[in-house]
Amino acid sequence: MNIKNPELIKRLATFKPLFAIKPQVVSSGQFAVVQWSRGLLLEPNILRLVAKEFVSMIDWGSIDVIAGIELQGVPLATAISLEVNKPMVIVREKPKRVGRSAIVGDVNFIFPGARAILVDDLMAYGGTKEQRTKILEEQGAVVTDSAVFLHAPCVPPTKGAVEYDLCAEDWLKKHNIRSHALIEYVELGQLQFEAGTISKEIFEFLRENTNAPYWENAEHLTHLYEYMKKEDLQVEDFTLQFMKEHGVVI
C-alpha cells in the first residue's frame, strides 16, 4: 500500500457498501464473485485525499498533461489536475461522432512530444491502457506514466474469452511507462475486514475473487451458493448455470 495519510486509510476502511457479493463474468472471461463500488472515488473527501496522495508520489515537473480514461478515470484525473495545476484531457474509447477526436481537449493541450500521464481507477489487464496510449500517441503525445487508485490481480484469461497480451503492469513496463498505484485489491479488503466493515466470509470470497481454479471447485461454489441464499442475495441464472456445470446441486 502506498497510502500515507491516516485519514484516507480510515475513510477507505469504513466506506460502505464498498464490496458486494455479486457474481459476474469479467472481460477476461473469469467468474468473479465480489464487485467493488466505483462510488468510492465519487465521495468528495475521499477523492480529494486520493488526489493528494498522487501529488507526492509522482514527479509532476516531467508531465505536461493529465489524461483521464473515460469514464471512471475522469473524476480522479480532474481532482489531480486541480491539485497539481496541470491541464487535463479525456481519452475515450472512440470518437463520439464521425469527424471528432477520441480525445476531449486535444486541440488545447496535446502537442508533438507532450508528456502525458494516464489516469484511471483500476489496473488489471492491459487492454484499456494499451488502447488509450495508442490514441494519445497518434496525436503526438508521449505517455510516460500511468496512475491508478486500485491495482487488481491479473490472472490468465479464460480460454475463448477476450484475449490480452499482457497484464497491464507488464505492458506498461515493456513500453517504458512508469506505473503508480495506491493500493492493492486485497489490501483494500484487509482494511475493511480489520475495521469490521465487512465480514470474514466476504473477505475470504474477496481474496479468491478472480482465482479461476478456486471457483471451478464444487465445494467452494456450494459454499458461495449457500451464503447467497442465507443472505437473501439474488442468484442470477448465469451464476446458477455456472454452479451446476461445476457440480453444485441446486
Protein backbone atom coordinates (compact mmCIF):
# COMPACT_ATOMS: atom_id res chain seq x y z
CA MET A 1 0.00 0.00 0.00
CA ASN A 2 1.34 3.44 -0.97
CA ILE A 3 -1.13 5.48 1.09
CA LYS A 4 0.40 7.55 3.88
CA ASN A 5 -2.49 9.70 5.10
CA PRO A 6 -4.17 8.07 8.14
CA GLU A 7 -7.43 9.93 7.48
CA LEU A 8 -7.68 8.42 3.99
CA ILE A 9 -6.87 4.97 5.33
CA LYS A 10 -9.67 5.31 7.92
CA ARG A 11 -12.17 6.51 5.32
CA LEU A 12 -11.31 3.61 2.99
CA ALA A 13 -11.63 1.15 5.84
CA THR A 14 -15.09 2.34 6.85
CA PHE A 15 -16.64 3.25 3.48
CA LYS A 16 -19.72 1.15 2.79
CA PRO A 17 -21.08 -0.53 0.94
CA LEU A 18 -17.75 -0.94 -0.89
CA PHE A 19 -17.70 -4.68 -1.56
CA ALA A 20 -20.70 -6.74 -2.61
CA ILE A 21 -21.18 -10.42 -3.41
CA LYS A 22 -22.48 -10.17 -6.94
CA PRO A 23 -21.01 -12.75 -9.35
CA GLN A 24 -20.24 -11.63 -12.87
CA VAL A 25 -18.13 -12.68 -15.83
CA VAL A 26 -15.42 -10.05 -16.31
CA SER A 27 -13.91 -9.09 -19.67
CA SER A 28 -11.13 -11.66 -19.27
CA GLY A 29 -13.80 -14.36 -19.09
CA GLN A 30 -13.22 -15.07 -15.40
CA PHE A 31 -16.05 -15.83 -12.99
CA ALA A 32 -15.65 -13.03 -10.41
CA VAL A 33 -17.65 -13.17 -7.21
CA VAL A 34 -17.02 -9.82 -5.50
CA GLN A 35 -17.65 -6.40 -7.03
CA TRP A 36 -16.27 -3.16 -5.63
CA SER A 37 -18.14 0.13 -5.86
CA ARG A 38 -16.65 2.82 -8.10
CA GLY A 39 -18.69 5.23 -5.98
CA LEU A 40 -15.73 5.21 -3.61
CA LEU A 41 -13.97 7.72 -5.87
CA LEU A 42 -17.06 9.88 -6.20
CA GLU A 43 -17.14 10.72 -2.49
CA PRO A 44 -15.62 14.24 -2.34
CA ASN A 45 -13.45 13.83 0.77
CA ILE A 46 -12.00 10.51 -0.38
CA LEU A 47 -11.43 11.79 -3.91
CA ARG A 48 -9.61 14.85 -2.60
CA LEU A 49 -7.38 12.80 -0.30
CA VAL A 50 -6.60 10.26 -3.04
CA ALA A 51 -5.54 13.08 -5.39
CA LYS A 52 -3.25 14.48 -2.70
CA GLU A 53 -1.52 11.12 -2.35
CA PHE A 54 -0.57 11.24 -6.02
CA VAL A 55 0.89 14.73 -5.61
CA SER A 56 3.80 13.44 -3.54
CA MET A 57 4.14 10.13 -5.38
CA ILE A 58 4.83 11.45 -8.91
CA ASP A 59 7.31 13.89 -10.46
CA TRP A 60 4.82 16.34 -11.94
CA GLY A 61 7.57 18.52 -13.37
CA SER A 62 8.10 15.88 -16.04
CA ILE A 63 4.43 15.77 -17.09
CA ASP A 64 2.60 18.18 -19.39
CA VAL A 65 -0.94 16.83 -19.42
CA ILE A 66 -3.16 14.53 -17.39
CA ALA A 67 -5.17 12.07 -19.49
CA GLY A 68 -8.27 10.75 -17.74
CA ILE A 69 -9.58 7.46 -19.16
CA GLU A 70 -13.33 7.71 -19.76
CA LEU A 71 -15.39 7.08 -17.70
CA GLN A 72 -14.06 6.04 -14.32
CA GLY A 73 -10.71 7.80 -14.64
CA VAL A 74 -12.20 11.24 -15.29
CA PRO A 75 -13.16 12.25 -11.70
CA LEU A 76 -9.73 11.23 -10.40
CA ALA A 77 -7.93 12.99 -13.26
CA THR A 78 -9.95 16.14 -12.56
CA ALA A 79 -9.09 16.07 -8.86
CA ILE A 80 -5.39 15.55 -9.59
CA SER A 81 -5.44 18.34 -12.18
CA LEU A 82 -6.76 20.75 -9.58
CA GLU A 83 -4.08 19.69 -7.08
CA VAL A 84 -1.06 19.96 -9.40
CA ASN A 85 -2.35 22.74 -11.67
CA LYS A 86 -1.80 20.74 -14.84
CA PRO A 87 -4.24 20.66 -17.78
CA MET A 88 -6.20 17.50 -18.48
CA VAL A 89 -7.83 15.76 -21.39
CA ILE A 90 -10.39 12.95 -21.52
CA VAL A 91 -9.50 9.90 -23.61
CA ARG A 92 -12.48 7.98 -24.95
CA GLU A 93 -12.50 4.52 -26.49
CA LYS A 94 -13.63 6.07 -29.76
CA PRO A 95 -14.90 9.43 -31.05
CA LYS A 96 -18.40 10.38 -30.00
CA ARG A 97 -19.28 11.06 -33.62
CA VAL A 98 -17.66 10.84 -37.06
CA GLY A 99 -15.12 13.58 -37.65
CA ARG A 100 -14.45 14.18 -33.96
CA SER A 101 -11.40 13.20 -31.94
CA ALA A 102 -11.45 10.47 -29.31
CA ILE A 103 -9.61 12.94 -27.06
CA VAL A 104 -11.57 15.76 -25.46
CA GLY A 105 -9.28 18.76 -25.21
CA ASP A 106 -6.63 17.54 -27.64
CA VAL A 107 -6.56 20.79 -29.64
CA ASN A 108 -5.76 22.67 -26.45
CA PHE A 109 -3.27 20.51 -24.64
CA ILE A 110 -1.91 17.75 -26.91
CA PHE A 111 1.09 18.77 -28.99
CA PRO A 112 4.03 16.84 -30.51
CA GLY A 113 6.06 15.43 -27.65
CA ALA A 114 3.54 16.34 -24.92
CA ARG A 115 4.30 14.13 -21.92
CA ALA A 116 1.09 12.52 -20.68
CA ILE A 117 0.07 10.50 -17.65
CA LEU A 118 -2.83 8.07 -17.97
CA VAL A 119 -5.21 8.19 -15.00
CA ASP A 120 -7.80 5.51 -14.20
CA ASP A 121 -9.50 3.98 -11.18
CA LEU A 122 -8.29 0.41 -11.70
CA MET A 123 -5.43 -1.55 -13.26
CA ALA A 124 -5.61 -5.24 -14.06
CA TYR A 125 -5.31 -6.21 -17.73
CA GLY A 126 -3.52 -4.06 -20.27
CA GLY A 127 -6.22 -3.74 -22.91
CA THR A 128 -7.56 -0.33 -21.91
CA LYS A 129 -4.18 1.22 -21.10
CA GLU A 130 -2.74 -0.01 -24.40
CA GLN A 131 -5.67 1.28 -26.48
CA ARG A 132 -5.72 4.72 -24.85
CA THR A 133 -1.92 5.02 -25.12
CA LYS A 134 -2.13 4.43 -28.86
CA ILE A 135 -4.83 7.10 -29.21
CA LEU A 136 -2.65 9.65 -27.42
CA GLU A 137 0.44 8.70 -29.42
CA GLU A 138 -1.46 9.06 -32.69
CA GLN A 139 -1.96 12.72 -31.73
CA GLY A 140 1.76 13.16 -31.00
CA ALA A 141 1.77 12.75 -27.22
CA VAL A 142 4.22 10.54 -25.32
CA VAL A 143 2.74 8.53 -22.45
CA THR A 144 5.36 8.45 -19.70
CA ASP A 145 3.31 7.43 -16.64
CA SER A 146 0.15 5.67 -15.50
CA ALA A 147 -1.63 6.35 -12.22
CA VAL A 148 -4.46 4.25 -10.77
CA PHE A 149 -6.14 4.08 -7.39
CA LEU A 150 -6.53 0.30 -7.24
CA HIS A 151 -4.28 -2.49 -8.53
CA ALA A 152 -6.25 -5.69 -9.05
CA PRO A 153 -4.93 -9.23 -9.54
CA CYS A 154 -4.24 -10.23 -13.12
CA VAL A 155 -4.86 -13.89 -13.87
CA PRO A 156 -4.72 -15.70 -17.23
CA PRO A 157 -7.89 -15.14 -19.29
CA THR A 158 -10.34 -18.00 -19.57
CA LYS A 159 -9.90 -19.94 -22.79
CA GLY A 160 -12.06 -18.49 -25.54
CA ALA A 161 -12.57 -15.15 -23.77
CA VAL A 162 -11.27 -11.74 -24.75
CA GLU A 163 -7.50 -12.12 -25.04
CA TYR A 164 -4.99 -9.68 -23.60
CA ASP A 165 -1.31 -9.97 -24.48
CA LEU A 166 -0.10 -8.89 -21.06
CA CYS A 167 -1.24 -7.79 -17.66
CA ALA A 168 -1.37 -4.00 -17.53
CA GLU A 169 1.69 -3.67 -15.31
CA ASP A 170 3.78 -5.86 -17.64
CA TRP A 171 2.56 -4.00 -20.72
CA LEU A 172 3.41 -0.63 -19.19
CA LYS A 173 6.88 -1.82 -18.17
CA LYS A 174 7.50 -3.19 -21.66
CA HIS A 175 6.74 0.26 -23.11
CA ASN A 176 8.80 2.16 -20.51
CA ILE A 177 5.73 3.70 -18.89
CA ARG A 178 6.12 4.26 -15.16
CA SER A 179 3.32 2.67 -13.14
CA HIS A 180 1.85 4.16 -9.95
CA ALA A 181 -0.89 2.55 -7.82
CA LEU A 182 -2.10 3.49 -4.35
CA ILE A 183 -3.41 0.19 -3.02
CA GLU A 184 -3.80 -3.49 -3.88
CA TYR A 185 -7.25 -5.03 -4.17
CA VAL A 186 -6.73 -7.44 -1.27
CA GLU A 187 -5.14 -4.68 0.85
CA LEU A 188 -8.32 -2.64 0.47
CA GLY A 189 -10.35 -5.65 1.57
CA GLN A 190 -7.99 -6.20 4.50
CA LEU A 191 -8.56 -2.62 5.68
CA GLN A 192 -12.31 -3.15 5.64
CA PHE A 193 -12.11 -6.53 7.36
CA GLU A 194 -9.86 -5.25 10.16
CA ALA A 195 -12.23 -2.29 10.69
CA GLY A 196 -15.20 -4.66 10.94
CA THR A 197 -16.83 -3.13 7.86
CA ILE A 198 -17.01 -6.48 6.04
CA SER A 199 -17.27 -9.96 7.48
CA LYS A 200 -14.55 -12.59 7.46
CA GLU A 201 -16.65 -14.58 4.97
CA ILE A 202 -16.85 -11.71 2.48
CA PHE A 203 -13.12 -11.10 2.89
CA GLU A 204 -12.41 -14.75 2.10
CA PHE A 205 -14.56 -14.53 -1.03
CA LEU A 206 -12.73 -11.33 -1.96
CA ARG A 207 -9.30 -12.94 -1.64
CA GLU A 208 -10.32 -15.65 -4.12
CA ASN A 209 -12.34 -13.26 -6.30
CA THR A 210 -10.74 -13.95 -9.70
CA ASN A 211 -8.94 -17.16 -8.79
CA ALA A 212 -10.37 -19.27 -11.62
CA PRO A 213 -9.33 -22.73 -10.31
CA TYR A 214 -10.87 -21.91 -6.92
CA TRP A 215 -14.27 -21.24 -8.48
CA GLU A 216 -14.16 -24.41 -10.53
CA ASN A 217 -14.39 -26.38 -7.28
CA ALA A 218 -17.87 -27.68 -6.37
CA GLU A 219 -17.26 -27.34 -2.61
CA HIS A 220 -16.29 -23.66 -2.89
CA LEU A 221 -19.18 -22.89 -5.20
CA THR A 222 -21.60 -24.69 -2.89
CA HIS A 223 -20.39 -22.54 -0.01
CA LEU A 224 -20.95 -19.44 -2.14
CA TYR A 225 -24.45 -20.59 -3.12
CA GLU A 226 -25.40 -21.32 0.48
CA TYR A 227 -24.07 -17.94 1.59
CA MET A 228 -26.05 -16.09 -1.08
CA LYS A 229 -29.25 -17.92 -0.16
CA LYS A 230 -28.66 -17.30 3.55
CA GLU A 231 -28.14 -13.56 2.92
CA ASP A 232 -31.11 -13.47 0.51
CA LEU A 233 -28.88 -12.31 -2.36
CA GLN A 234 -30.14 -12.69 -5.91
CA VAL A 235 -28.53 -15.58 -7.76
CA GLU A 236 -28.62 -14.80 -11.47
CA ASP A 237 -29.42 -17.51 -14.00
CA PHE A 238 -25.90 -17.50 -15.46
CA THR A 239 -24.49 -17.98 -11.94
CA LEU A 240 -26.78 -20.94 -11.33
CA GLN A 241 -25.77 -22.41 -14.67
CA PHE A 242 -22.07 -21.96 -13.87
CA MET A 243 -22.57 -23.64 -10.50
CA LYS A 244 -24.48 -26.57 -11.96
CA GLU A 245 -21.80 -27.07 -14.64
CA HIS A 246 -19.23 -27.35 -11.87
CA GLY A 247 -21.05 -29.90 -9.75
CA VAL A 248 -23.22 -27.85 -7.41
CA VAL A 249 -26.54 -29.47 -6.51
CA ILE A 250 -29.17 -26.72 -6.68
